[in-house]
Amino acid sequence: MNELLRRKEAVEKTLAKYRDKPFDWRRGQTCLHMLRFHLRLMGHAPEPLPRVRSAIGARRALNLRGWQDVGDMLDAMLPRIAPAAMLLGDVASFRSDDGFGAITINLGGKVMGWHEDAPGMTALEPVEIAGAWRV
C-alpha cells in the first residue's frame, strides 16, 4: 500500500474513534490512549499502557520511568524530527499548564487533540510545537 494512503487511513480511523469525545481519564479518552491506538494503526507495537485513570496516576507513571513529560516518553518510543518535517499522521507535543504536555496527531496543516477551550477532541492550530516525532 502507498505510504501516504496508509497514513491517511490511519488518521481517518483515529479521528473516527476520538472526534468530539471529551477528555476523560476514567474512560481512557486521553492523548496517550489516542496515541497508542494511532501507533497500532500505523504498524507499531507500543508497550501496554499502565492503568492511568487520573492526573496523579499519570504523573506517577511518568516519574516511574524517569520522564518529565510526554515529550520524554515520545523520545523513548519514536525518532524526533523537526516540526516542519511532519507528515500526515506524525505526532507533535505541546506544553500544557499541568506540566504533562499534550500529544497531538498531524492532520496536515492542523493537529488533532484536546484543548481546554473545546468540549471534545478536535482539530487545532499547531501553535508553539514543543516537539515532533516520525510515526
N, C-alpha and C. Protein backbone atom coordinates (compact mmCIF):
# COMPACT_ATOMS: atom_id res chain seq x y z
N MET A 1 0.85 -1.17 0.00
CA MET A 1 0.00 0.00 0.00
C MET A 1 0.90 1.25 0.00
N ASN A 2 0.49 2.26 -0.69
CA ASN A 2 1.18 3.54 -0.74
C ASN A 2 1.29 4.12 0.68
N GLU A 3 2.46 4.64 1.03
CA GLU A 3 2.71 5.18 2.37
C GLU A 3 1.75 6.31 2.75
N LEU A 4 1.50 7.24 1.85
CA LEU A 4 0.59 8.35 2.16
C LEU A 4 -0.84 7.87 2.33
N LEU A 5 -1.24 6.88 1.54
CA LEU A 5 -2.58 6.32 1.68
C LEU A 5 -2.71 5.60 3.03
N ARG A 6 -1.68 4.88 3.42
CA ARG A 6 -1.68 4.19 4.72
C ARG A 6 -1.81 5.20 5.86
N ARG A 7 -1.06 6.29 5.76
CA ARG A 7 -1.12 7.34 6.77
C ARG A 7 -2.53 7.96 6.82
N LYS A 8 -3.08 8.24 5.65
CA LYS A 8 -4.42 8.85 5.56
C LYS A 8 -5.46 7.94 6.21
N GLU A 9 -5.41 6.66 5.92
CA GLU A 9 -6.38 5.72 6.50
C GLU A 9 -6.24 5.64 8.02
N ALA A 10 -5.02 5.63 8.52
CA ALA A 10 -4.79 5.58 9.97
C ALA A 10 -5.33 6.84 10.64
N VAL A 11 -5.07 7.99 10.05
CA VAL A 11 -5.57 9.25 10.61
C VAL A 11 -7.10 9.26 10.61
N GLU A 12 -7.71 8.82 9.52
CA GLU A 12 -9.17 8.80 9.44
C GLU A 12 -9.78 7.88 10.50
N LYS A 13 -9.18 6.73 10.73
CA LYS A 13 -9.69 5.80 11.75
C LYS A 13 -9.50 6.37 13.15
N THR A 14 -8.38 7.05 13.39
CA THR A 14 -8.15 7.66 14.70
C THR A 14 -9.15 8.78 14.92
N LEU A 15 -9.37 9.59 13.90
CA LEU A 15 -10.38 10.66 14.01
C LEU A 15 -11.76 10.08 14.28
N ALA A 16 -12.11 9.03 13.56
CA ALA A 16 -13.44 8.43 13.73
C ALA A 16 -13.64 7.94 15.16
N LYS A 17 -12.60 7.43 15.78
CA LYS A 17 -12.73 6.89 17.13
C LYS A 17 -12.80 8.00 18.19
N TYR A 18 -12.05 9.09 18.01
CA TYR A 18 -11.91 10.08 19.09
C TYR A 18 -12.57 11.43 18.82
N ARG A 19 -12.95 11.73 17.60
CA ARG A 19 -13.51 13.05 17.28
C ARG A 19 -14.69 13.39 18.19
N ASP A 20 -14.64 14.59 18.73
CA ASP A 20 -15.69 15.17 19.57
C ASP A 20 -15.85 14.51 20.94
N LYS A 21 -15.09 13.47 21.24
CA LYS A 21 -15.20 12.84 22.56
C LYS A 21 -14.47 13.71 23.58
N PRO A 22 -15.06 13.90 24.74
CA PRO A 22 -14.40 14.71 25.77
C PRO A 22 -13.21 13.96 26.36
N PHE A 23 -12.23 14.73 26.81
CA PHE A 23 -11.09 14.15 27.52
C PHE A 23 -11.63 13.52 28.80
N ASP A 24 -11.26 12.26 29.06
CA ASP A 24 -11.80 11.57 30.24
C ASP A 24 -10.78 10.52 30.71
N TRP A 25 -10.18 10.78 31.86
CA TRP A 25 -9.20 9.84 32.42
C TRP A 25 -9.82 8.47 32.61
N ARG A 26 -10.99 8.41 33.23
CA ARG A 26 -11.60 7.13 33.61
C ARG A 26 -12.01 6.28 32.41
N ARG A 27 -12.43 6.90 31.34
CA ARG A 27 -12.84 6.17 30.14
C ARG A 27 -11.69 5.86 29.19
N GLY A 28 -10.50 6.33 29.53
CA GLY A 28 -9.37 6.10 28.63
C GLY A 28 -9.45 6.92 27.38
N GLN A 29 -10.01 8.12 27.47
CA GLN A 29 -10.08 9.04 26.34
C GLN A 29 -9.10 10.17 26.62
N THR A 30 -7.82 9.84 26.43
CA THR A 30 -6.74 10.80 26.67
C THR A 30 -5.83 10.81 25.46
N CYS A 31 -4.92 11.77 25.45
CA CYS A 31 -3.99 11.83 24.31
C CYS A 31 -3.08 10.60 24.28
N LEU A 32 -2.79 10.03 25.42
CA LEU A 32 -1.96 8.83 25.47
C LEU A 32 -2.69 7.64 24.84
N HIS A 33 -3.97 7.49 25.15
CA HIS A 33 -4.76 6.40 24.56
C HIS A 33 -4.92 6.60 23.05
N MET A 34 -5.15 7.86 22.65
CA MET A 34 -5.27 8.16 21.23
C MET A 34 -3.96 7.82 20.51
N LEU A 35 -2.84 8.18 21.13
CA LEU A 35 -1.53 7.88 20.55
C LEU A 35 -1.35 6.38 20.35
N ARG A 36 -1.63 5.61 21.38
CA ARG A 36 -1.43 4.16 21.30
C ARG A 36 -2.29 3.55 20.18
N PHE A 37 -3.55 3.97 20.11
CA PHE A 37 -4.45 3.49 19.07
C PHE A 37 -3.88 3.82 17.69
N HIS A 38 -3.43 5.05 17.53
CA HIS A 38 -2.89 5.51 16.25
C HIS A 38 -1.60 4.76 15.89
N LEU A 39 -0.72 4.59 16.85
CA LEU A 39 0.53 3.87 16.59
C LEU A 39 0.27 2.45 16.09
N ARG A 40 -0.70 1.79 16.70
CA ARG A 40 -1.02 0.43 16.26
C ARG A 40 -1.54 0.43 14.82
N LEU A 41 -2.36 1.41 14.46
CA LEU A 41 -2.84 1.52 13.08
C LEU A 41 -1.69 1.78 12.11
N MET A 42 -0.65 2.45 12.59
CA MET A 42 0.50 2.78 11.75
C MET A 42 1.54 1.66 11.73
N GLY A 43 1.22 0.52 12.34
CA GLY A 43 2.11 -0.63 12.27
C GLY A 43 3.10 -0.78 13.40
N HIS A 44 3.00 0.08 14.42
CA HIS A 44 3.88 -0.03 15.58
C HIS A 44 3.27 -0.98 16.61
N ALA A 45 4.10 -1.49 17.49
CA ALA A 45 3.63 -2.35 18.58
C ALA A 45 4.02 -1.69 19.91
N PRO A 46 3.29 -0.63 20.29
CA PRO A 46 3.66 0.06 21.54
C PRO A 46 3.44 -0.82 22.76
N GLU A 47 4.24 -0.56 23.79
CA GLU A 47 4.07 -1.31 25.04
C GLU A 47 2.68 -1.05 25.61
N PRO A 48 2.16 -2.00 26.37
CA PRO A 48 0.86 -1.77 27.01
C PRO A 48 0.94 -0.53 27.91
N LEU A 49 -0.17 0.18 27.98
CA LEU A 49 -0.24 1.36 28.83
C LEU A 49 -0.43 0.97 30.28
N PRO A 50 0.21 1.71 31.18
CA PRO A 50 -0.12 1.49 32.59
C PRO A 50 -1.56 1.94 32.81
N ARG A 51 -2.22 1.38 33.76
CA ARG A 51 -3.61 1.75 34.04
C ARG A 51 -3.61 3.12 34.71
N VAL A 52 -3.86 4.14 33.94
CA VAL A 52 -3.84 5.52 34.41
C VAL A 52 -5.26 6.07 34.32
N ARG A 53 -5.83 6.41 35.46
CA ARG A 53 -7.20 6.90 35.49
C ARG A 53 -7.33 8.26 36.16
N SER A 54 -6.18 8.96 36.31
CA SER A 54 -6.21 10.29 36.91
C SER A 54 -4.89 11.00 36.60
N ALA A 55 -4.89 12.30 36.83
CA ALA A 55 -3.66 13.07 36.64
C ALA A 55 -2.57 12.60 37.60
N ILE A 56 -2.96 12.24 38.81
CA ILE A 56 -1.99 11.75 39.80
C ILE A 56 -1.36 10.44 39.31
N GLY A 57 -2.17 9.54 38.79
CA GLY A 57 -1.66 8.28 38.25
C GLY A 57 -0.76 8.50 37.05
N ALA A 58 -1.10 9.48 36.21
CA ALA A 58 -0.27 9.78 35.05
C ALA A 58 1.09 10.32 35.49
N ARG A 59 1.08 11.20 36.49
CA ARG A 59 2.35 11.74 37.00
C ARG A 59 3.21 10.62 37.57
N ARG A 60 2.58 9.70 38.32
CA ARG A 60 3.31 8.56 38.89
C ARG A 60 3.93 7.70 37.79
N ALA A 61 3.16 7.42 36.74
CA ALA A 61 3.65 6.58 35.64
C ALA A 61 4.83 7.24 34.93
N LEU A 62 4.75 8.55 34.71
CA LEU A 62 5.87 9.26 34.09
C LEU A 62 7.10 9.24 34.99
N ASN A 63 6.91 9.55 36.27
CA ASN A 63 8.03 9.58 37.22
C ASN A 63 8.70 8.23 37.35
N LEU A 64 7.91 7.16 37.34
CA LEU A 64 8.43 5.81 37.47
C LEU A 64 9.44 5.49 36.37
N ARG A 65 9.23 6.06 35.20
CA ARG A 65 10.12 5.82 34.06
C ARG A 65 11.18 6.91 33.90
N GLY A 66 11.16 7.90 34.78
CA GLY A 66 12.14 8.97 34.71
C GLY A 66 11.83 10.03 33.67
N TRP A 67 10.57 10.11 33.25
CA TRP A 67 10.15 11.07 32.25
C TRP A 67 9.52 12.29 32.91
N GLN A 68 9.92 13.48 32.46
CA GLN A 68 9.33 14.71 32.97
C GLN A 68 7.95 14.98 32.36
N ASP A 69 7.81 14.64 31.08
CA ASP A 69 6.57 14.93 30.37
C ASP A 69 6.41 13.96 29.20
N VAL A 70 5.35 14.17 28.41
CA VAL A 70 5.10 13.24 27.29
C VAL A 70 6.18 13.35 26.21
N GLY A 71 6.88 14.47 26.14
CA GLY A 71 7.98 14.60 25.18
C GLY A 71 9.08 13.59 25.48
N ASP A 72 9.40 13.42 26.76
CA ASP A 72 10.41 12.41 27.14
C ASP A 72 9.92 11.01 26.78
N MET A 73 8.64 10.75 27.00
CA MET A 73 8.07 9.44 26.66
C MET A 73 8.17 9.20 25.16
N LEU A 74 7.80 10.21 24.36
CA LEU A 74 7.85 10.05 22.91
C LEU A 74 9.28 9.88 22.41
N ASP A 75 10.25 10.56 23.05
CA ASP A 75 11.65 10.37 22.68
C ASP A 75 12.10 8.92 22.87
N ALA A 76 11.53 8.24 23.85
CA ALA A 76 11.88 6.85 24.12
C ALA A 76 11.22 5.88 23.12
N MET A 77 10.21 6.37 22.39
CA MET A 77 9.43 5.49 21.51
C MET A 77 9.67 5.72 20.02
N LEU A 78 9.88 6.98 19.63
CA LEU A 78 9.88 7.35 18.22
C LEU A 78 11.05 8.28 17.90
N PRO A 79 11.47 8.33 16.63
CA PRO A 79 12.53 9.27 16.26
C PRO A 79 12.00 10.71 16.20
N ARG A 80 12.73 11.61 16.85
CA ARG A 80 12.34 13.03 16.86
C ARG A 80 12.69 13.64 15.51
N ILE A 81 11.82 14.53 15.04
CA ILE A 81 12.03 15.23 13.77
C ILE A 81 11.76 16.72 13.98
N ALA A 82 12.13 17.53 13.00
CA ALA A 82 11.78 18.95 13.04
C ALA A 82 10.28 19.08 12.78
N PRO A 83 9.59 19.96 13.50
CA PRO A 83 8.15 20.13 13.26
C PRO A 83 7.82 20.41 11.79
N ALA A 84 8.67 21.14 11.10
CA ALA A 84 8.41 21.46 9.69
C ALA A 84 8.48 20.21 8.80
N ALA A 85 9.07 19.13 9.30
CA ALA A 85 9.20 17.90 8.51
C ALA A 85 8.05 16.93 8.74
N MET A 86 7.07 17.31 9.57
CA MET A 86 5.97 16.39 9.87
C MET A 86 5.16 16.04 8.63
N LEU A 87 4.84 14.76 8.55
CA LEU A 87 3.94 14.25 7.52
C LEU A 87 2.58 13.97 8.16
N LEU A 88 1.58 13.77 7.34
CA LEU A 88 0.27 13.37 7.82
C LEU A 88 0.43 12.15 8.74
N GLY A 89 -0.13 12.22 9.94
CA GLY A 89 -0.09 11.09 10.87
C GLY A 89 1.09 11.11 11.83
N ASP A 90 2.04 12.01 11.64
CA ASP A 90 3.13 12.12 12.60
C ASP A 90 2.60 12.75 13.90
N VAL A 91 3.42 12.73 14.93
CA VAL A 91 2.99 13.15 16.27
C VAL A 91 3.70 14.43 16.67
N ALA A 92 2.97 15.31 17.33
CA ALA A 92 3.54 16.54 17.88
C ALA A 92 3.12 16.67 19.33
N SER A 93 3.96 17.31 20.13
CA SER A 93 3.57 17.59 21.51
C SER A 93 3.59 19.09 21.74
N PHE A 94 2.80 19.50 22.71
CA PHE A 94 2.68 20.90 23.09
C PHE A 94 2.81 20.99 24.60
N ARG A 95 3.28 22.11 25.08
CA ARG A 95 3.33 22.32 26.52
C ARG A 95 1.91 22.48 27.05
N SER A 96 1.71 22.13 28.30
CA SER A 96 0.39 22.29 28.91
C SER A 96 0.56 22.84 30.33
N ASP A 97 -0.49 23.44 30.83
CA ASP A 97 -0.44 24.03 32.17
C ASP A 97 -0.20 23.01 33.26
N ASP A 98 -0.60 21.76 33.03
CA ASP A 98 -0.44 20.73 34.06
C ASP A 98 0.96 20.12 34.09
N GLY A 99 1.81 20.49 33.13
CA GLY A 99 3.18 20.00 33.11
C GLY A 99 3.38 18.68 32.40
N PHE A 100 2.31 18.01 32.00
CA PHE A 100 2.43 16.74 31.29
C PHE A 100 2.83 16.95 29.84
N GLY A 101 2.30 17.98 29.24
CA GLY A 101 2.38 18.17 27.81
C GLY A 101 1.17 17.52 27.17
N ALA A 102 0.95 17.81 25.92
CA ALA A 102 -0.20 17.26 25.20
C ALA A 102 0.28 16.62 23.92
N ILE A 103 -0.25 15.46 23.61
CA ILE A 103 0.10 14.73 22.39
C ILE A 103 -0.99 14.99 21.36
N THR A 104 -0.56 15.31 20.14
CA THR A 104 -1.49 15.51 19.04
C THR A 104 -1.00 14.72 17.82
N ILE A 105 -1.89 14.57 16.85
CA ILE A 105 -1.55 13.88 15.61
C ILE A 105 -1.72 14.85 14.45
N ASN A 106 -0.72 14.91 13.58
CA ASN A 106 -0.72 15.85 12.48
C ASN A 106 -1.79 15.49 11.45
N LEU A 107 -2.61 16.48 11.13
CA LEU A 107 -3.65 16.32 10.11
C LEU A 107 -3.22 16.91 8.77
N GLY A 108 -2.05 17.56 8.75
CA GLY A 108 -1.61 18.25 7.55
C GLY A 108 -2.10 19.69 7.60
N GLY A 109 -1.42 20.54 8.31
CA GLY A 109 -1.83 21.93 8.49
C GLY A 109 -2.45 22.19 9.85
N LYS A 110 -3.13 21.21 10.39
CA LYS A 110 -3.69 21.28 11.74
C LYS A 110 -3.30 19.99 12.46
N VAL A 111 -3.60 19.93 13.75
CA VAL A 111 -3.36 18.72 14.52
C VAL A 111 -4.64 18.35 15.24
N MET A 112 -4.80 17.07 15.57
CA MET A 112 -5.98 16.67 16.35
C MET A 112 -5.55 16.37 17.78
N GLY A 113 -6.35 16.86 18.69
CA GLY A 113 -6.07 16.64 20.09
C GLY A 113 -7.12 17.32 20.96
N TRP A 114 -6.82 17.37 22.24
CA TRP A 114 -7.74 18.01 23.19
C TRP A 114 -7.19 19.36 23.60
N HIS A 115 -8.10 20.30 23.85
CA HIS A 115 -7.74 21.64 24.34
C HIS A 115 -8.83 22.07 25.32
N GLU A 116 -8.41 22.78 26.37
CA GLU A 116 -9.37 23.15 27.41
C GLU A 116 -10.51 24.04 26.89
N ASP A 117 -10.33 24.68 25.75
CA ASP A 117 -11.39 25.54 25.19
C ASP A 117 -12.37 24.78 24.30
N ALA A 118 -12.13 23.51 24.06
CA ALA A 118 -13.01 22.72 23.21
C ALA A 118 -13.67 21.62 24.05
N PRO A 119 -14.94 21.32 23.80
CA PRO A 119 -15.62 20.30 24.60
C PRO A 119 -15.17 18.87 24.31
N GLY A 120 -14.55 18.64 23.16
CA GLY A 120 -14.10 17.30 22.80
C GLY A 120 -12.86 17.37 21.92
N MET A 121 -12.34 16.21 21.55
CA MET A 121 -11.17 16.15 20.69
C MET A 121 -11.53 16.83 19.37
N THR A 122 -10.61 17.67 18.90
CA THR A 122 -10.91 18.49 17.73
C THR A 122 -9.64 18.82 16.96
N ALA A 123 -9.80 19.44 15.82
CA ALA A 123 -8.66 19.93 15.04
C ALA A 123 -8.21 21.26 15.63
N LEU A 124 -6.91 21.41 15.81
CA LEU A 124 -6.34 22.59 16.45
C LEU A 124 -5.26 23.20 15.57
N GLU A 125 -5.04 24.49 15.73
CA GLU A 125 -3.92 25.16 15.06
C GLU A 125 -2.64 24.75 15.78
N PRO A 126 -1.62 24.31 15.06
CA PRO A 126 -0.37 23.89 15.71
C PRO A 126 0.53 25.07 16.07
N VAL A 127 0.22 25.70 17.18
CA VAL A 127 0.98 26.86 17.65
C VAL A 127 1.96 26.40 18.73
N GLU A 128 3.21 26.83 18.64
CA GLU A 128 4.24 26.53 19.63
C GLU A 128 4.43 25.04 19.89
N ILE A 129 4.77 24.31 18.85
CA ILE A 129 5.03 22.89 18.96
C ILE A 129 6.28 22.68 19.80
N ALA A 130 6.16 21.83 20.83
CA ALA A 130 7.30 21.55 21.71
C ALA A 130 8.21 20.49 21.11
N GLY A 131 7.65 19.58 20.32
CA GLY A 131 8.44 18.52 19.71
C GLY A 131 7.61 17.79 18.67
N ALA A 132 8.29 17.10 17.76
CA ALA A 132 7.60 16.32 16.73
C ALA A 132 8.34 15.00 16.53
N TRP A 133 7.59 13.95 16.16
CA TRP A 133 8.15 12.60 16.03
C TRP A 133 7.58 11.94 14.80
N ARG A 134 8.42 11.18 14.13
CA ARG A 134 8.02 10.42 12.94
C ARG A 134 7.34 9.14 13.39
N VAL A 135 6.19 8.87 12.82
CA VAL A 135 5.45 7.63 13.11
C VAL A 135 5.61 6.71 11.92
